[in-house]
Amino acid sequence: MRIVSLLPSATEIVYALGLEDQLVGVARECDYPPSVRDLPKVTRTLIPTDASSGLIDHLVRERLGTNQALCRRGCRPPSAWRDRSLTCSGCPQR
């Protein structure tokens, strides 16, 4: 099985379950455990990374309130990555 995690907490769960050897891609925000930093990043945020925390909060609330995604997949995932995808409601499924 190959796993792509689009949620940092899901990435940590994958490691806690001892499945890290099956993890083939992660969201840009995933940075723990440190070894995930070497995995391909498969998302890009739609919220400016240099925004203040107040602006980030406003933009996230606005996007979620209008049922808009918070991120986009940053690349077309190879068919090998389609086995399992761990995500949240704010992430696109396609």
Foldseek 3Di string as FASTA:
>chain_A
DAEEEADQVVQVVCVVVVNNVRYQEYAPPHCPPPVNVPHHHFKDFPQDPPDDPVVSVVVVCVCVVVQHAGMEGPDDDDPSHPPYYHDDSRYDPD
